[in-house]
């Protein structure tokens, strides 16, 4: 039986400004918008979530992000070391 979702946000975000992740079920990781929880959620297998996290970390650390503000916003919205599974 699947676990009830334990939704959480990064400790670096405001409570309603980004996404929530529930990763307490070993078979799936769920992601939803904190401002529109009623719209549902994405359900990903853990391997896909891990690939997304690793790809996002690479983008944030690459030279593709030239704006310090943009990098700060992305980092605070999805503080990856806090959401990584």
Protein backbone atom coordinates (compact mmCIF):
# COMPACT_ATOMS: atom_id res chain seq x y z
CA UNK A 1 0.00 0.00 0.00
CA UNK A 2 1.28 3.48 -0.89
CA UNK A 3 2.16 5.85 1.91
CA UNK A 4 0.09 8.99 2.46
CA UNK A 5 1.98 11.91 0.92
CA UNK A 6 4.18 13.84 3.33
CA UNK A 7 4.29 17.17 1.46
CA UNK A 8 7.19 19.50 2.17
CA UNK A 9 8.91 22.53 0.74
CA UNK A 10 12.48 23.63 0.98
CA UNK A 11 13.29 25.44 4.20
CA UNK A 12 14.70 28.19 1.96
CA UNK A 13 11.35 29.10 0.38
CA UNK A 14 8.28 30.96 1.49
CA UNK A 15 5.47 28.58 2.32
CA UNK A 16 3.44 29.44 -0.78
CA UNK A 17 5.97 30.48 -3.40
CA UNK A 18 7.21 27.37 -5.13
CA UNK A 19 6.67 23.63 -5.20
CA UNK A 20 6.05 20.92 -2.66
CA UNK A 21 7.51 17.44 -2.86
CA UNK A 22 6.29 14.22 -1.28
CA UNK A 23 8.98 11.55 -1.48
CA UNK A 24 8.11 9.32 1.45
CA UNK A 25 6.68 6.60 -0.84
CA UNK A 26 9.48 4.43 -2.26
CA UNK A 27 7.59 3.83 -5.51
CA UNK A 28 6.94 7.46 -6.52
CA UNK A 29 7.83 11.09 -5.94
CA UNK A 30 5.02 13.63 -6.17
CA UNK A 31 5.43 17.31 -6.99
CA UNK A 32 2.79 20.05 -6.84
CA UNK A 33 2.45 23.83 -6.99
CA UNK A 34 2.04 25.34 -3.53
CA UNK A 35 -0.21 28.10 -4.88
CA UNK A 36 -2.50 25.72 -6.77
CA UNK A 37 -2.64 22.49 -4.83
CA UNK A 38 -6.14 21.90 -6.15
CA UNK A 39 -4.69 21.40 -9.66
CA UNK A 40 -3.22 18.06 -8.66
CA UNK A 41 0.35 16.82 -8.79
CA UNK A 42 2.94 15.16 -10.97
CA UNK A 43 3.83 11.62 -10.01
CA UNK A 44 7.31 10.47 -10.98
CA UNK A 45 9.26 7.31 -10.45
CA UNK A 46 12.23 7.95 -8.14
CA UNK A 47 14.80 7.39 -10.93
CA UNK A 48 13.18 10.12 -13.05
CA UNK A 49 13.11 12.50 -10.07
CA UNK A 50 16.80 11.84 -9.40
CA UNK A 51 17.66 12.54 -13.06
CA UNK A 52 15.69 15.80 -12.87
CA UNK A 53 17.51 16.85 -9.68
CA UNK A 54 20.94 16.06 -11.14
CA UNK A 55 20.16 17.89 -14.42
CA UNK A 56 18.88 20.93 -12.51
CA UNK A 57 22.01 21.01 -10.34
CA UNK A 58 24.15 20.97 -13.49
CA UNK A 59 22.20 23.83 -15.05
CA UNK A 60 22.41 25.91 -11.88
CA UNK A 61 26.15 25.40 -11.66
CA UNK A 62 26.81 25.99 -15.36
CA UNK A 63 27.62 29.19 -17.16
CA UNK A 64 24.15 29.22 -18.73
CA UNK A 65 22.85 31.24 -15.80
CA UNK A 66 24.38 34.69 -16.15
CA UNK A 67 22.10 36.53 -13.76
CA UNK A 68 22.83 36.21 -10.02
CA UNK A 69 19.18 37.05 -9.34
CA UNK A 70 17.96 34.26 -11.60
CA UNK A 71 20.28 31.75 -9.95
CA UNK A 72 19.24 32.88 -6.48
CA UNK A 73 15.55 32.61 -7.34
CA UNK A 74 15.99 29.12 -8.77
CA UNK A 75 18.12 27.96 -5.86
CA UNK A 76 15.77 29.27 -3.20
CA UNK A 77 12.69 27.95 -4.97
CA UNK A 78 14.01 24.42 -5.23
CA UNK A 79 16.86 24.09 -2.77
CA UNK A 80 18.06 20.85 -4.25
CA UNK A 81 20.14 19.58 -1.41
CA UNK A 82 17.00 19.72 0.75
CA UNK A 83 14.68 18.01 -1.75
CA UNK A 84 17.09 15.48 -3.19
CA UNK A 85 16.04 11.89 -2.56
